[in-house]
């Protein structure tokens, strides 16, 4: 676990220093990249048709 002070994030293990929001967004992007299969196709419905997104 890193240490956050105001908007600064610092990792005691690897020495990474970054803006805390940038660090968080990188973590979310990394996690999100593993949540969906790389070859998944997403159908985006027309606006207002009331259907959810469908993963094939």
PDB file of N, CA and C in Angstrom:
ATOM      1  N   UNK A   1       0.841  -1.187   0.000  1.00  0.00           N
ATOM      2  CA  UNK A   1       0.000   0.000   0.000  1.00  0.00           C
ATOM      3  C   UNK A   1       0.881   1.244   0.000  1.00  0.00           C
ATOM      4  N   UNK A   2       0.479   2.172  -0.806  1.00  0.00           N
ATOM      5  CA  UNK A   2       1.208   3.419  -0.890  1.00  0.00           C
ATOM      6  C   UNK A   2       0.695   4.426   0.114  1.00  0.00           C
ATOM      7  N   UNK A   3       1.339   5.561   0.111  1.00  0.00           N
ATOM      8  CA  UNK A   3       0.992   6.631   1.037  1.00  0.00           C
ATOM      9  C   UNK A   3       0.486   7.828   0.238  1.00  0.00           C
ATOM     10  N   UNK A   4      -0.637   8.385   0.654  1.00  0.00           N
ATOM     11  CA  UNK A   4      -1.202   9.543  -0.026  1.00  0.00           C
ATOM     12  C   UNK A   4      -1.157  10.741   0.915  1.00  0.00           C
ATOM     13  N   UNK A   5      -0.665  11.850   0.397  1.00  0.00           N
ATOM     14  CA  UNK A   5      -0.637  13.088   1.148  1.00  0.00           C
ATOM     15  C   UNK A   5      -1.157  14.184   0.231  1.00  0.00           C
ATOM     16  N   UNK A   6      -2.340  14.673   0.534  1.00  0.00           N
ATOM     17  CA  UNK A   6      -3.038  15.618  -0.345  1.00  0.00           C
ATOM     18  C   UNK A   6      -3.200  14.999  -1.720  1.00  0.00           C
ATOM     19  N   UNK A   7      -2.598  15.567  -2.736  1.00  0.00           N
ATOM     20  CA  UNK A   7      -2.737  15.025  -4.092  1.00  0.00           C
ATOM     21  C   UNK A   7      -1.494  14.274  -4.548  1.00  0.00           C
ATOM     22  N   UNK A   8      -0.632  13.907  -3.614  1.00  0.00           N
ATOM     23  CA  UNK A   8       0.587  13.178  -3.962  1.00  0.00           C
ATOM     24  C   UNK A   8       0.468  11.740  -3.486  1.00  0.00           C
ATOM     25  N   UNK A   9       0.857  10.810  -4.356  1.00  0.00           N
ATOM     26  CA  UNK A   9       0.896   9.401  -3.994  1.00  0.00           C
ATOM     27  C   UNK A   9       2.342   8.941  -4.075  1.00  0.00           C
ATOM     28  N   UNK A  10       2.765   8.161  -3.076  1.00  0.00           N
ATOM     29  CA  UNK A  10       4.125   7.649  -3.067  1.00  0.00           C
ATOM     30  C   UNK A  10       4.100   6.189  -2.615  1.00  0.00           C
ATOM     31  N   UNK A  11       4.736   5.320  -3.418  1.00  0.00           N
ATOM     32  CA  UNK A  11       4.813   3.899  -3.096  1.00  0.00           C
ATOM     33  C   UNK A  11       6.154   3.600  -2.436  1.00  0.00           C
ATOM     34  N   UNK A  12       6.125   3.068  -1.209  1.00  0.00           N
ATOM     35  CA  UNK A  12       7.378   2.759  -0.522  1.00  0.00           C
ATOM     36  C   UNK A  12       8.100   1.540  -1.114  1.00  0.00           C
ATOM     37  N   UNK A  13       7.371   0.710  -1.867  1.00  0.00           N
ATOM     38  CA  UNK A  13       7.966  -0.505  -2.431  1.00  0.00           C
ATOM     39  C   UNK A  13       8.742  -0.230  -3.721  1.00  0.00           C
ATOM     40  N   UNK A  14       8.119   0.509  -4.653  1.00  0.00           N
ATOM     41  CA  UNK A  14       8.779   0.720  -5.951  1.00  0.00           C
ATOM     42  C   UNK A  14       9.289   2.145  -6.142  1.00  0.00           C
ATOM     43  N   UNK A  15       8.897   3.056  -5.248  1.00  0.00           N
ATOM     44  CA  UNK A  15       9.366   4.428  -5.340  1.00  0.00           C
ATOM     45  C   UNK A  15       8.552   5.322  -6.268  1.00  0.00           C
ATOM     46  N   UNK A  16       7.449   4.795  -6.807  1.00  0.00           N
ATOM     47  CA  UNK A  16       6.598   5.589  -7.697  1.00  0.00           C
ATOM     48  C   UNK A  16       6.082   6.821  -6.969  1.00  0.00           C
ATOM     49  N   UNK A  17       6.177   7.957  -7.654  1.00  0.00           N
ATOM     50  CA  UNK A  17       5.609   9.210  -7.149  1.00  0.00           C
ATOM     51  C   UNK A  17       4.733   9.769  -8.247  1.00  0.00           C
ATOM     52  N   UNK A  18       3.469  10.055  -7.932  1.00  0.00           N
ATOM     53  CA  UNK A  18       2.549  10.555  -8.945  1.00  0.00           C
ATOM     54  C   UNK A  18       1.419  11.319  -8.271  1.00  0.00           C
ATOM     55  N   UNK A  19       0.673  12.050  -9.090  1.00  0.00           N
ATOM     56  CA  UNK A  19      -0.539  12.691  -8.613  1.00  0.00           C
ATOM     57  C   UNK A  19      -1.497  11.576  -8.221  1.00  0.00           C
ATOM     58  N   UNK A  20      -2.149  11.685  -7.088  1.00  0.00           N
ATOM     59  CA  UNK A  20      -2.978  10.590  -6.586  1.00  0.00           C
ATOM     60  C   UNK A  20      -4.123  10.241  -7.535  1.00  0.00           C
ATOM     61  N   UNK A  21      -4.729  11.222  -8.199  1.00  0.00           N
ATOM     62  CA  UNK A  21      -5.812  10.936  -9.142  1.00  0.00           C
ATOM     63  C   UNK A  21      -5.285  10.202 -10.376  1.00  0.00           C
ATOM     64  N   UNK A  22      -4.099  10.563 -10.841  1.00  0.00           N
ATOM     65  CA  UNK A  22      -3.491   9.883 -11.981  1.00  0.00           C
ATOM     66  C   UNK A  22      -3.188   8.428 -11.621  1.00  0.00           C
ATOM     67  N   UNK A  23      -2.647   8.210 -10.437  1.00  0.00           N
ATOM     68  CA  UNK A  23      -2.354   6.859  -9.987  1.00  0.00           C
ATOM     69  C   UNK A  23      -3.637   6.033  -9.902  1.00  0.00           C
ATOM     70  N   UNK A  24      -4.688   6.603  -9.351  1.00  0.00           N
ATOM     71  CA  UNK A  24      -5.964   5.886  -9.230  1.00  0.00           C
ATOM     72  C   UNK A  24      -6.537   5.555 -10.601  1.00  0.00           C
ATOM     73  N   UNK A  25      -6.472   6.487 -11.541  1.00  0.00           N
ATOM     74  CA  UNK A  25      -7.025   6.233 -12.875  1.00  0.00           C
ATOM     75  C   UNK A  25      -6.240   5.148 -13.596  1.00  0.00           C
ATOM     76  N   UNK A  26      -4.931   5.100 -13.392  1.00  0.00           N
ATOM     77  CA  UNK A  26      -4.120   4.031 -13.985  1.00  0.00           C
ATOM     78  C   UNK A  26      -4.505   2.672 -13.407  1.00  0.00           C
ATOM     79  N   UNK A  27      -4.731   2.631 -12.095  1.00  0.00           N
ATOM     80  CA  UNK A  27      -5.151   1.383 -11.460  1.00  0.00           C
ATOM     81  C   UNK A  27      -6.503   0.928 -11.996  1.00  0.00           C
ATOM     82  N   UNK A  28      -7.438   1.841 -12.137  1.00  0.00           N
ATOM     83  CA  UNK A  28      -8.772   1.490 -12.655  1.00  0.00           C
ATOM     84  C   UNK A  28      -8.688   1.019 -14.103  1.00  0.00           C
ATOM     85  N   UNK A  29      -7.863   1.657 -14.908  1.00  0.00           N
ATOM     86  CA  UNK A  29      -7.697   1.237 -16.302  1.00  0.00           C
ATOM     87  C   UNK A  29      -7.104  -0.160 -16.375  1.00  0.00           C
ATOM     88  N   UNK A  30      -6.143  -0.448 -15.517  1.00  0.00           N
ATOM     89  CA  UNK A  30      -5.521  -1.775 -15.491  1.00  0.00           C
ATOM     90  C   UNK A  30      -6.539  -2.830 -15.076  1.00  0.00           C
ATOM     91  N   UNK A  31      -7.322  -2.542 -14.049  1.00  0.00           N
ATOM     92  CA  UNK A  31      -8.339  -3.482 -13.579  1.00  0.00           C
ATOM     93  C   UNK A  31      -9.425  -3.650 -14.633  1.00  0.00           C
ATOM     94  N   UNK A  32      -9.858  -2.550 -15.235  1.00  0.00           N
ATOM     95  CA  UNK A  32     -10.897  -2.605 -16.257  1.00  0.00           C
ATOM     96  C   UNK A  32     -10.464  -3.380 -17.483  1.00  0.00           C
ATOM     97  N   UNK A  33      -9.185  -3.332 -17.800  1.00  0.00           N
ATOM     98  CA  UNK A  33      -8.674  -4.058 -18.954  1.00  0.00           C
ATOM     99  C   UNK A  33      -8.762  -5.555 -18.791  1.00  0.00           C
ATOM    100  N   UNK A  34      -8.852  -6.033 -17.557  1.00  0.00           N
ATOM    101  CA  UNK A  34      -8.957  -7.471 -17.313  1.00  0.00           C
ATOM    102  C   UNK A  34     -10.400  -7.913 -17.123  1.00  0.00           C
ATOM    103  N   UNK A  35     -11.336  -6.976 -17.032  1.00  0.00           N
ATOM    104  CA  UNK A  35     -12.725  -7.318 -16.752  1.00  0.00           C
ATOM    105  C   UNK A  35     -13.484  -7.784 -17.992  1.00  0.00           C
ATOM    106  N   UNK A  36     -13.055  -7.400 -19.170  1.00  0.00           N
ATOM    107  CA  UNK A  36     -13.745  -7.745 -20.407  1.00  0.00           C
ATOM    108  C   UNK A  36     -12.776  -8.486 -21.313  1.00  0.00           C
ATOM    109  N   UNK A  37     -13.267  -9.530 -21.957  1.00  0.00           N
ATOM    110  CA  UNK A  37     -12.419 -10.262 -22.892  1.00  0.00           C
ATOM    111  C   UNK A  37     -11.945  -9.324 -23.987  1.00  0.00           C
ATOM    112  N   UNK A  38     -10.687  -9.410 -24.396  1.00  0.00           N
ATOM    113  CA  UNK A  38     -10.149  -8.494 -25.399  1.00  0.00           C
ATOM    114  C   UNK A  38     -10.876  -8.538 -26.735  1.00  0.00           C
ATOM    115  N   UNK A  39     -11.497  -9.657 -27.090  1.00  0.00           N
ATOM    116  CA  UNK A  39     -12.155  -9.776 -28.381  1.00  0.00           C
ATOM    117  C   UNK A  39     -13.667  -9.602 -28.280  1.00  0.00           C
ATOM    118  N   UNK A  40     -14.175  -9.154 -27.146  1.00  0.00           N
ATOM    119  CA  UNK A  40     -15.614  -8.985 -26.962  1.00  0.00           C
ATOM    120  C   UNK A  40     -16.139  -7.868 -27.859  1.00  0.00           C
ATOM    121  N   UNK A  41     -17.328  -8.072 -28.379  1.00  0.00           N
ATOM    122  CA  UNK A  41     -17.991  -7.070 -29.210  1.00  0.00           C
ATOM    123  C   UNK A  41     -19.118  -6.470 -28.385  1.00  0.00           C
ATOM    124  N   UNK A  42     -19.189  -5.170 -28.355  1.00  0.00           N
ATOM    125  CA  UNK A  42     -20.235  -4.494 -27.592  1.00  0.00           C
ATOM    126  C   UNK A  42     -21.186  -3.827 -28.564  1.00  0.00           C
ATOM    127  N   UNK A  43     -22.476  -4.195 -28.469  1.00  0.00           N
ATOM    128  CA  UNK A  43     -23.495  -3.537 -29.273  1.00  0.00           C
ATOM    129  C   UNK A  43     -23.995  -2.331 -28.503  1.00  0.00           C
ATOM    130  N   UNK A  44     -23.950  -1.175 -29.120  1.00  0.00           N
ATOM    131  CA  UNK A  44     -24.476   0.021 -28.476  1.00  0.00           C
ATOM    132  C   UNK A  44     -25.842   0.314 -29.070  1.00  0.00           C
ATOM    133  N   UNK A  45     -26.874   0.314 -28.242  1.00  0.00           N
ATOM    134  CA  UNK A  45     -28.232   0.522 -28.741  1.00  0.00           C
ATOM    135  C   UNK A  45     -28.448   1.955 -29.215  1.00  0.00           C
ATOM    136  N   UNK A  46     -29.474   2.140 -30.032  1.00  0.00           N
ATOM    137  CA  UNK A  46     -29.853   3.483 -30.439  1.00  0.00           C
ATOM    138  C   UNK A  46     -30.324   4.245 -29.215  1.00  0.00           C
ATOM    139  N   UNK A  47     -30.183   5.540 -29.237  1.00  0.00           N
ATOM    140  CA  UNK A  47     -30.584   6.359 -28.094  1.00  0.00           C
ATOM    141  C   UNK A  47     -32.097   6.250 -27.916  1.00  0.00           C
ATOM    142  N   UNK A  48     -32.496   5.959 -26.675  1.00  0.00           N
ATOM    143  CA  UNK A  48     -33.915   5.939 -26.358  1.00  0.00           C
ATOM    144  C   UNK A  48     -34.635   4.645 -26.614  1.00  0.00           C
ATOM    145  N   UNK A  49     -33.954   3.559 -26.979  1.00  0.00           N
ATOM    146  CA  UNK A  49     -34.690   2.319 -27.234  1.00  0.00           C
ATOM    147  C   UNK A  49     -34.898   1.496 -25.962  1.00  0.00           C
ATOM    148  N   UNK A  50     -34.283   1.905 -24.828  1.00  0.00           N
ATOM    149  CA  UNK A  50     -34.535   1.260 -23.549  1.00  0.00           C
ATOM    150  C   UNK A  50     -33.795  -0.041 -23.328  1.00  0.00           C
ATOM    151  N   UNK A  51     -32.874  -0.429 -24.202  1.00  0.00           N
ATOM    152  CA  UNK A  51     -32.140  -1.662 -24.038  1.00  0.00           C
ATOM    153  C   UNK A  51     -30.779  -1.411 -23.398  1.00  0.00           C
ATOM    154  N   UNK A  52     -30.300  -2.408 -22.694  1.00  0.00           N
ATOM    155  CA  UNK A  52     -28.980  -2.316 -22.076  1.00  0.00           C
ATOM    156  C   UNK A  52     -27.904  -2.707 -23.096  1.00  0.00           C
ATOM    157  N   UNK A  53     -26.668  -2.441 -22.756  1.00  0.00           N
ATOM    158  CA  UNK A  53     -25.555  -2.870 -23.596  1.00  0.00           C
ATOM    159  C   UNK A  53     -25.467  -4.383 -23.569  1.00  0.00           C
ATOM    160  N   UNK A  54     -25.137  -4.977 -24.692  1.00  0.00           N
ATOM    161  CA  UNK A  54     -25.068  -6.437 -24.803  1.00  0.00           C
ATOM    162  C   UNK A  54     -23.661  -6.841 -25.175  1.00  0.00           C
ATOM    163  N   UNK A  55     -23.080  -7.754 -24.391  1.00  0.00           N
ATOM    164  CA  UNK A  55     -21.766  -8.309 -24.721  1.00  0.00           C
ATOM    165  C   UNK A  55     -21.970  -9.624 -25.451  1.00  0.00           C
ATOM    166  N   UNK A  56     -21.293  -9.818 -26.555  1.00  0.00           N
ATOM    167  CA  UNK A  56     -21.382 -11.094 -27.264  1.00  0.00           C
ATOM    168  C   UNK A  56     -20.149 -11.910 -26.994  1.00  0.00           C
TER     169      UNK A  56
END
